PDB file of N, CA and C in Angstrom:
ATOM      1  N   MET A   1     122.817  40.667 155.374  1.00  0.00           N
ATOM      2  CA  MET A   1     122.499  41.618 156.265  1.00  0.00           C
ATOM      3  C   MET A   1     121.886  42.788 155.497  1.00  0.00           C
ATOM      4  N   GLU A   2     120.824  43.429 155.996  1.00  0.00           N
ATOM      5  CA  GLU A   2     120.128  44.529 155.443  1.00  0.00           C
ATOM      6  C   GLU A   2     120.698  45.715 155.844  1.00  0.00           C
ATOM      7  N   ASP A   3     120.748  46.884 155.001  1.00  0.00           N
ATOM      8  CA  ASP A   3     121.066  48.176 155.484  1.00  0.00           C
ATOM      9  C   ASP A   3     119.876  48.739 156.286  1.00  0.00           C
ATOM     10  N   THR A   4     119.995  48.922 157.549  1.00  0.00           N
ATOM     11  CA  THR A   4     118.980  49.409 158.375  1.00  0.00           C
ATOM     12  C   THR A   4     118.395  50.755 158.051  1.00  0.00           C
ATOM     13  N   SER A   5     119.194  51.486 157.367  1.00  0.00           N
ATOM     14  CA  SER A   5     118.741  52.802 157.138  1.00  0.00           C
ATOM     15  C   SER A   5     117.804  52.882 155.799  1.00  0.00           C
ATOM     16  N   THR A   6     117.971  51.874 155.012  1.00  0.00           N
ATOM     17  CA  THR A   6     117.079  51.929 153.800  1.00  0.00           C
ATOM     18  C   THR A   6     116.172  50.585 153.646  1.00  0.00           C
ATOM     19  N   GLY A   7     116.611  49.625 154.553  1.00  0.00           N
ATOM     20  CA  GLY A   7     115.877  48.389 154.398  1.00  0.00           C
ATOM     21  C   GLY A   7     116.196  47.610 153.203  1.00  0.00           C
ATOM     22  N   THR A   8     117.275  47.841 152.541  1.00  0.00           N
ATOM     23  CA  THR A   8     117.782  47.090 151.267  1.00  0.00           C
ATOM     24  C   THR A   8     118.992  46.347 151.685  1.00  0.00           C
ATOM     25  N   PRO A   9     119.395  45.383 151.047  1.00  0.00           N
ATOM     26  CA  PRO A   9     120.544  44.550 151.343  1.00  0.00           C
ATOM     27  C   PRO A   9     121.878  45.478 150.834  1.00  0.00           C
ATOM     28  N   PRO A  10     123.013  45.150 151.377  1.00  0.00           N
ATOM     29  CA  PRO A  10     124.135  45.811 150.950  1.00  0.00           C
ATOM     30  C   PRO A  10     124.328  45.620 149.450  1.00  0.00           C
ATOM     31  N   ALA A  11     124.823  46.686 148.736  1.00  0.00           N
ATOM     32  CA  ALA A  11     124.895  46.466 147.163  1.00  0.00           C
ATOM     33  C   ALA A  11     125.619  45.211 146.777  1.00  0.00           C
ATOM     34  N   GLY A  12     126.661  44.679 147.447  1.00  0.00           N
ATOM     35  CA  GLY A  12     127.345  43.496 147.051  1.00  0.00           C
ATOM     36  C   GLY A  12     126.662  42.314 147.140  1.00  0.00           C
ATOM     37  N   GLU A  13     125.479  42.211 147.787  1.00  0.00           N
ATOM     38  CA  GLU A  13     124.705  41.020 147.972  1.00  0.00           C
ATOM     39  C   GLU A  13     123.371  41.082 146.982  1.00  0.00           C
ATOM     40  N   MET A  14     123.405  42.073 146.147  1.00  0.00           N
ATOM     41  CA  MET A  14     122.172  42.263 145.218  1.00  0.00           C
ATOM     42  C   MET A  14     122.354  41.591 143.889  1.00  0.00           C
ATOM     43  N   GLY A  15     121.254  41.095 143.410  1.00  0.00           N
ATOM     44  CA  GLY A  15     121.279  40.702 141.990  1.00  0.00           C
ATOM     45  C   GLY A  15     121.245  41.931 140.999  1.00  0.00           C
ATOM     46  N   TYR A  16     121.494  41.583 139.740  1.00  0.00           N
ATOM     47  CA  TYR A  16     121.611  42.641 138.777  1.00  0.00           C
ATOM     48  C   TYR A  16     120.391  43.524 138.802  1.00  0.00           C
ATOM     49  N   GLU A  17     119.036  42.731 138.672  1.00  0.00           N
ATOM     50  CA  GLU A  17     117.861  43.609 138.503  1.00  0.00           C
ATOM     51  C   GLU A  17     117.583  44.296 139.607  1.00  0.00           C
ATOM     52  N   GLN A  18     117.728  43.817 140.813  1.00  0.00           N
ATOM     53  CA  GLN A  18     117.586  44.710 142.002  1.00  0.00           C
ATOM     54  C   GLN A  18     118.443  45.891 142.114  1.00  0.00           C
ATOM     55  N   ALA A  19     119.803  45.678 141.891  1.00  0.00           N
ATOM     56  CA  ALA A  19     120.626  46.795 141.776  1.00  0.00           C
ATOM     57  C   ALA A  19     120.261  47.853 140.774  1.00  0.00           C
ATOM     58  N   ARG A  20     119.873  47.452 139.514  1.00  0.00           N
ATOM     59  CA  ARG A  20     119.578  48.254 138.521  1.00  0.00           C
ATOM     60  C   ARG A  20     118.250  49.094 138.896  1.00  0.00           C
ATOM     61  N   ASP A  21     117.221  48.392 139.376  1.00  0.00           N
ATOM     62  CA  ASP A  21     116.023  48.986 139.793  1.00  0.00           C
ATOM     63  C   ASP A  21     116.321  50.177 140.856  1.00  0.00           C
ATOM     64  N   GLU A  22     117.144  49.811 141.912  1.00  0.00           N
ATOM     65  CA  GLU A  22     117.419  50.796 142.893  1.00  0.00           C
ATOM     66  C   GLU A  22     118.266  51.928 142.326  1.00  0.00           C
ATOM     67  N   LEU A  23     119.211  51.625 141.435  1.00  0.00           N
ATOM     68  CA  LEU A  23     119.831  52.737 140.749  1.00  0.00           C
ATOM     69  C   LEU A  23     119.033  53.628 140.053  1.00  0.00           C
ATOM     70  N   VAL A  24     117.966  53.177 139.355  1.00  0.00           N
ATOM     71  CA  VAL A  24     117.159  54.051 138.628  1.00  0.00           C
ATOM     72  C   VAL A  24     116.448  55.068 139.750  1.00  0.00           C
ATOM     73  N   ALA A  25     115.915  54.372 140.803  1.00  0.00           N
ATOM     74  CA  ALA A  25     115.291  55.165 141.701  1.00  0.00           C
ATOM     75  C   ALA A  25     116.202  56.228 142.367  1.00  0.00           C
ATOM     76  N   VAL A  26     117.497  56.020 142.593  1.00  0.00           N
ATOM     77  CA  VAL A  26     118.435  56.873 143.124  1.00  0.00           C
ATOM     78  C   VAL A  26     118.501  58.014 142.107  1.00  0.00           C
ATOM     79  N   VAL A  27     118.811  57.581 140.858  1.00  0.00           N
ATOM     80  CA  VAL A  27     118.992  58.634 139.683  1.00  0.00           C
ATOM     81  C   VAL A  27     117.635  59.616 139.702  1.00  0.00           C
ATOM     82  N   ARG A  28     116.484  59.004 139.780  1.00  0.00           N
ATOM     83  CA  ARG A  28     115.271  59.862 139.743  1.00  0.00           C
ATOM     84  C   ARG A  28     115.244  60.914 141.018  1.00  0.00           C
ATOM     85  N   ARG A  29     115.610  60.305 142.188  1.00  0.00           N
ATOM     86  CA  ARG A  29     115.658  61.293 143.339  1.00  0.00           C
ATOM     87  C   ARG A  29     116.621  62.418 143.147  1.00  0.00           C
ATOM     88  N   LEU A  30     117.876  62.074 142.643  1.00  0.00           N
ATOM     89  CA  LEU A  30     118.788  63.023 142.368  1.00  0.00           C
ATOM     90  C   LEU A  30     118.276  64.104 141.448  1.00  0.00           C
ATOM     91  N   GLU A  31     117.758  63.567 140.220  1.00  0.00           N
ATOM     92  CA  GLU A  31     117.207  64.573 139.170  1.00  0.00           C
ATOM     93  C   GLU A  31     116.071  65.373 139.828  1.00  0.00           C
ATOM     94  N   ALA A  32     115.326  64.784 140.616  1.00  0.00           N
ATOM     95  CA  ALA A  32     114.274  65.546 141.112  1.00  0.00           C
ATOM     96  C   ALA A  32     114.498  66.786 142.119  1.00  0.00           C
ATOM     97  N   GLY A  33     115.740  66.712 142.734  1.00  0.00           N
ATOM     98  CA  GLY A  33     116.301  67.650 143.549  1.00  0.00           C
ATOM     99  C   GLY A  33     115.472  67.720 144.741  1.00  0.00           C
ATOM    100  N   GLY A  34     115.776  68.772 145.557  1.00  0.00           N
ATOM    101  CA  GLY A  34     115.009  69.001 146.743  1.00  0.00           C
ATOM    102  C   GLY A  34     115.611  68.258 147.935  1.00  0.00           C
ATOM    103  N   SER A  35     116.586  67.558 147.783  1.00  0.00           N
ATOM    104  CA  SER A  35     117.448  66.891 148.851  1.00  0.00           C
ATOM    105  C   SER A  35     118.538  67.757 149.345  1.00  0.00           C
ATOM    106  N   THR A  36     118.778  67.588 150.615  1.00  0.00           N
ATOM    107  CA  THR A  36     119.921  68.478 151.149  1.00  0.00           C
ATOM    108  C   THR A  36     121.254  67.972 150.623  1.00  0.00           C
ATOM    109  N   LEU A  37     122.338  68.758 150.831  1.00  0.00           N
ATOM    110  CA  LEU A  37     123.586  68.282 150.110  1.00  0.00           C
ATOM    111  C   LEU A  37     124.122  67.024 150.837  1.00  0.00           C
ATOM    112  N   GLU A  38     123.871  66.809 152.077  1.00  0.00           N
ATOM    113  CA  GLU A  38     124.184  65.569 152.685  1.00  0.00           C
ATOM    114  C   GLU A  38     123.480  64.276 152.109  1.00  0.00           C
ATOM    115  N   GLU A  39     122.141  64.567 151.865  1.00  0.00           N
ATOM    116  CA  GLU A  39     121.388  63.536 151.376  1.00  0.00           C
ATOM    117  C   GLU A  39     121.757  63.274 149.900  1.00  0.00           C
ATOM    118  N   SER A  40     122.076  64.238 149.143  1.00  0.00           N
ATOM    119  CA  SER A  40     122.480  64.187 147.785  1.00  0.00           C
ATOM    120  C   SER A  40     123.850  63.458 147.658  1.00  0.00           C
ATOM    121  N   LEU A  41     124.687  63.692 148.540  1.00  0.00           N
ATOM    122  CA  LEU A  41     125.993  62.875 148.604  1.00  0.00           C
ATOM    123  C   LEU A  41     125.855  61.555 148.872  1.00  0.00           C
ATOM    124  N   ALA A  42     124.904  61.288 149.840  1.00  0.00           N
ATOM    125  CA  ALA A  42     124.564  59.749 150.263  1.00  0.00           C
ATOM    126  C   ALA A  42     124.026  59.064 149.137  1.00  0.00           C
ATOM    127  N   LEU A  43     123.004  59.708 148.353  1.00  0.00           N
ATOM    128  CA  LEU A  43     122.339  59.145 147.358  1.00  0.00           C
ATOM    129  C   LEU A  43     123.427  58.818 146.144  1.00  0.00           C
ATOM    130  N   TRP A  44     124.370  59.814 145.944  1.00  0.00           N
ATOM    131  CA  TRP A  44     125.442  59.625 144.873  1.00  0.00           C
ATOM    132  C   TRP A  44     126.339  58.433 145.134  1.00  0.00           C
ATOM    133  N   GLU A  45     126.713  58.430 146.455  1.00  0.00           N
ATOM    134  CA  GLU A  45     127.499  57.264 146.758  1.00  0.00           C
ATOM    135  C   GLU A  45     126.882  55.871 146.670  1.00  0.00           C
ATOM    136  N   ARG A  46     125.627  55.869 147.094  1.00  0.00           N
ATOM    137  CA  ARG A  46     124.827  54.709 146.951  1.00  0.00           C
ATOM    138  C   ARG A  46     124.702  54.286 145.465  1.00  0.00           C
ATOM    139  N   GLY A  47     124.519  55.300 144.608  1.00  0.00           N
ATOM    140  CA  GLY A  47     124.421  55.050 143.144  1.00  0.00           C
ATOM    141  C   GLY A  47     125.724  54.572 142.511  1.00  0.00           C
ATOM    142  N   GLU A  48     126.784  55.112 142.974  1.00  0.00           N
ATOM    143  CA  GLU A  48     128.078  54.495 142.653  1.00  0.00           C
ATOM    144  C   GLU A  48     128.260  53.075 142.939  1.00  0.00           C
ATOM    145  N   GLU A  49     127.946  52.621 144.171  1.00  0.00           N
ATOM    146  CA  GLU A  49     127.967  51.380 144.631  1.00  0.00           C
ATOM    147  C   GLU A  49     127.089  50.511 143.785  1.00  0.00           C
ATOM    148  N   LEU A  50     125.844  50.885 143.487  1.00  0.00           N
ATOM    149  CA  LEU A  50     124.906  50.097 142.605  1.00  0.00           C
ATOM    150  C   LEU A  50     125.346  50.012 141.196  1.00  0.00           C
ATOM    151  N   ALA A  51     125.950  51.109 140.813  1.00  0.00           N
ATOM    152  CA  ALA A  51     126.611  51.001 139.283  1.00  0.00           C
ATOM    153  C   ALA A  51     127.639  49.980 139.280  1.00  0.00           C
ATOM    154  N   ALA A  52     128.516  49.902 140.283  1.00  0.00           N
ATOM    155  CA  ALA A  52     129.584  49.068 140.282  1.00  0.00           C
ATOM    156  C   ALA A  52     129.030  47.455 140.362  1.00  0.00           C
ATOM    157  N   VAL A  53     127.984  47.344 141.199  1.00  0.00           N
ATOM    158  CA  VAL A  53     127.353  45.940 141.195  1.00  0.00           C
ATOM    159  C   VAL A  53     126.855  45.564 139.699  1.00  0.00           C
ATOM    160  N   CYS A  54     126.107  46.542 139.149  1.00  0.00           N
ATOM    161  CA  CYS A  54     125.572  46.242 137.865  1.00  0.00           C
ATOM    162  C   CYS A  54     126.690  45.951 136.854  1.00  0.00           C
ATOM    163  N   ARG A  55     127.738  46.646 136.897  1.00  0.00           N
ATOM    164  CA  ARG A  55     128.901  46.516 136.037  1.00  0.00           C
ATOM    165  C   ARG A  55     129.551  45.062 136.159  1.00  0.00           C
ATOM    166  N   ARG A  56     129.733  44.705 137.415  1.00  0.00           N
ATOM    167  CA  ARG A  56     130.264  43.293 137.664  1.00  0.00           C
ATOM    168  C   ARG A  56     129.414  42.323 137.127  1.00  0.00           C
ATOM    169  N   TRP A  57     128.116  42.397 137.293  1.00  0.00           N
ATOM    170  CA  TRP A  57     127.193  41.457 136.801  1.00  0.00           C
ATOM    171  C   TRP A  57     127.269  41.299 135.276  1.00  0.00           C
ATOM    172  N   LEU A  58     127.371  42.499 134.565  1.00  0.00           N
ATOM    173  CA  LEU A  58     127.347  42.628 133.190  1.00  0.00           C
ATOM    174  C   LEU A  58     128.738  42.038 132.622  1.00  0.00           C
ATOM    175  N   GLU A  59     129.769  42.343 133.469  1.00  0.00           N
ATOM    176  CA  GLU A  59     131.196  41.774 132.951  1.00  0.00           C
ATOM    177  C   GLU A  59     131.119  40.304 133.197  1.00  0.00           C
ATOM    178  N   GLY A  60     130.497  39.720 134.232  1.00  0.00           N
ATOM    179  CA  GLY A  60     130.494  38.396 134.454  1.00  0.00           C
ATOM    180  C   GLY A  60     129.613  37.582 133.356  1.00  0.00           C
ATOM    181  N   ALA A  61     128.417  38.265 132.908  1.00  0.00           N
ATOM    182  CA  ALA A  61     127.769  37.720 131.850  1.00  0.00           C
ATOM    183  C   ALA A  61     128.511  37.814 130.603  1.00  0.00           C
ATOM    184  N   ARG A  62     129.330  38.847 130.326  1.00  0.00           N
ATOM    185  CA  ARG A  62     130.163  38.971 129.129  1.00  0.00           C
ATOM    186  C   ARG A  62     131.000  37.771 129.065  1.00  0.00           C
ATOM    187  N   ALA A  63     131.789  37.606 130.231  1.00  0.00           N
ATOM    188  CA  ALA A  63     132.729  36.571 130.294  1.00  0.00           C
ATOM    189  C   ALA A  63     132.151  35.133 130.006  1.00  0.00           C
ATOM    190  N   ARG A  64     130.954  34.851 130.435  1.00  0.00           N
ATOM    191  CA  ARG A  64     130.242  33.656 130.233  1.00  0.00           C
ATOM    192  C   ARG A  64     129.996  33.402 128.724  1.00  0.00           C
ATOM    193  N   LEU A  65     129.483  34.517 128.193  1.00  0.00           N
ATOM    194  CA  LEU A  65     129.166  34.505 126.727  1.00  0.00           C
ATOM    195  C   LEU A  65     130.348  34.240 126.002  1.00  0.00           C
ATOM    196  N   ASP A  66     131.460  34.992 126.283  1.00  0.00           N
ATOM    197  CA  ASP A  66     132.785  34.731 125.555  1.00  0.00           C
ATOM    198  C   ASP A  66     133.222  33.330 125.651  1.00  0.00           C
ATOM    199  N   ALA A  67     133.092  32.724 126.876  1.00  0.00           N
ATOM    200  CA  ALA A  67     133.412  31.461 127.040  1.00  0.00           C
ATOM    201  C   ALA A  67     132.636  30.409 126.190  1.00  0.00           C
ATOM    202  N   VAL A  68     131.444  30.628 126.113  1.00  0.00           N
ATOM    203  CA  VAL A  68     130.683  29.743 125.304  1.00  0.00           C
ATOM    204  C   VAL A  68     130.962  29.868 123.884  1.00  0.00           C
ATOM    205  N   LEU A  69     131.239  31.138 123.411  1.00  0.00           N
ATOM    206  CA  LEU A  69     131.492  31.328 122.016  1.00  0.00           C
ATOM    207  C   LEU A  69     132.973  30.795 121.711  1.00  0.00           C
ATOM    208  N   ALA A  70     133.802  30.815 122.690  1.00  0.00           N
ATOM    209  CA  ALA A  70     135.176  30.246 122.435  1.00  0.00           C
ATOM    210  C   ALA A  70     135.071  28.762 122.316  1.00  0.00           C
ATOM    211  N   GLU A  71     134.260  28.116 123.174  1.00  0.00           N
ATOM    212  CA  GLU A  71     133.990  26.755 123.000  1.00  0.00           C
ATOM    213  C   GLU A  71     133.472  26.226 121.707  1.00  0.00           C
ATOM    214  N   ASP A  72     132.604  27.133 121.245  1.00  0.00           N
ATOM    215  CA  ASP A  72     131.951  26.852 119.849  1.00  0.00           C
ATOM    216  C   ASP A  72     132.791  27.177 118.659  1.00  0.00           C
ATOM    217  N   GLY A  73     134.056  27.794 119.060  1.00  0.00           N
ATOM    218  CA  GLY A  73     135.063  28.147 117.841  1.00  0.00           C
ATOM    219  C   GLY A  73     134.681  29.516 117.301  1.00  0.00           C
ATOM    220  N   GLU A  74     133.816  30.250 117.938  1.00  0.00           N
ATOM    221  CA  GLU A  74     133.466  31.592 117.337  1.00  0.00           C
ATOM    222  C   GLU A  74     134.340  32.735 117.856  1.00  0.00           C
ATOM    223  N   GLY A  75     135.280  32.445 118.939  1.00  0.00           N
ATOM    224  CA  GLY A  75     135.964  33.517 119.533  1.00  0.00           C
ATOM    225  C   GLY A  75     135.216  34.439 120.350  1.00  0.00           C
ATOM    226  N   PRO A  76     135.931  35.234 121.116  1.00  0.00           N
ATOM    227  CA  PRO A  76     135.362  36.278 121.968  1.00  0.00           C
ATOM    228  C   PRO A  76     134.596  37.244 121.176  1.00  0.00           C
ATOM    229  N   SER A  77     133.652  37.971 121.762  1.00  0.00           N
ATOM    230  CA  SER A  77     132.961  39.140 121.173  1.00  0.00           C
ATOM    231  C   SER A  77     133.891  40.343 121.036  1.00  0.00           C
ATOM    232  N   ASP A  78     133.428  41.066 120.053  1.00  0.00           N
ATOM    233  CA  ASP A  78     134.268  42.414 119.892  1.00  0.00           C
ATOM    234  C   ASP A  78     133.515  43.568 120.486  1.00  0.00           C
ATOM    235  N   ASP A  79     134.266  43.953 121.557  1.00  0.00           N
ATOM    236  CA  ASP A  79     133.684  45.216 122.324  1.00  0.00           C
ATOM    237  C   ASP A  79     133.616  46.336 121.543  1.00  0.00           C
ATOM    238  N   THR A  80     134.170  46.573 120.398  1.00  0.00           N
ATOM    239  CA  THR A  80     134.351  47.837 119.667  1.00  0.00           C
ATOM    240  C   THR A  80     133.163  48.019 118.717  1.00  0.00           C
ATOM    241  N   GLY A  81     132.465  46.853 118.485  1.00  0.00           N
ATOM    242  CA  GLY A  81     131.248  46.958 117.571  1.00  0.00           C
ATOM    243  C   GLY A  81     131.710  47.031 116.058  1.00  0.00           C
ATOM    244  N   ALA A  82     133.030  47.012 115.864  1.00  0.00           N
ATOM    245  CA  ALA A  82     133.484  47.192 114.488  1.00  0.00           C
ATOM    246  C   ALA A  82     133.362  45.766 113.756  1.00  0.00           C
ATOM    247  N   ALA A  83     133.099  45.804 112.571  1.00  0.00           N
ATOM    248  CA  ALA A  83     132.914  44.526 111.737  1.00  0.00           C
ATOM    249  C   ALA A  83     134.431  44.021 111.550  1.00  0.00           C
ATOM    250  N   ASP A  84     134.480  42.691 111.553  1.00  0.00           N
ATOM    251  CA  ASP A  84     135.583  41.877 111.248  1.00  0.00           C
ATOM    252  C   ASP A  84     135.911  42.030 109.821  1.00  0.00           C
ATOM    253  N   GLY A  85     137.261  42.034 109.583  1.00  0.00           N
ATOM    254  CA  GLY A  85     137.706  42.076 108.231  1.00  0.00           C
ATOM    255  C   GLY A  85     138.768  42.984 108.032  1.00  0.00           C
ATOM    256  N   PRO A  86     139.370  43.075 106.720  1.00  0.00           N
ATOM    257  CA  PRO A  86     140.464  44.072 106.546  1.00  0.00           C
ATOM    258  C   PRO A  86     139.862  45.466 106.522  1.00  0.00           C
ATOM    259  N   GLU A  87     140.893  46.321 106.874  1.00  0.00           N
ATOM    260  CA  GLU A  87     140.536  47.738 106.939  1.00  0.00           C
ATOM    261  C   GLU A  87     140.932  48.430 105.639  1.00  0.00           C
TER     262      GLU A  87
END
């Protein structure tokens, strides 16, 4: 079902790229200014929804990669970016 006010699907039904692209557009509109307070709040809320969609897609991708690496015996990825080994 599409959001009749914007013509875009609800955030929960979007793919990663679609949510990311709309999020970029929302950020640009907020940065450009000129919107009323109510419009800015609506944009902010939509941006939060879109960011959550992107986060879920990325977390799912991370989980899939970790599962494949675990099957290959390499273990899950290190989120800290620190090198393995003694300190």
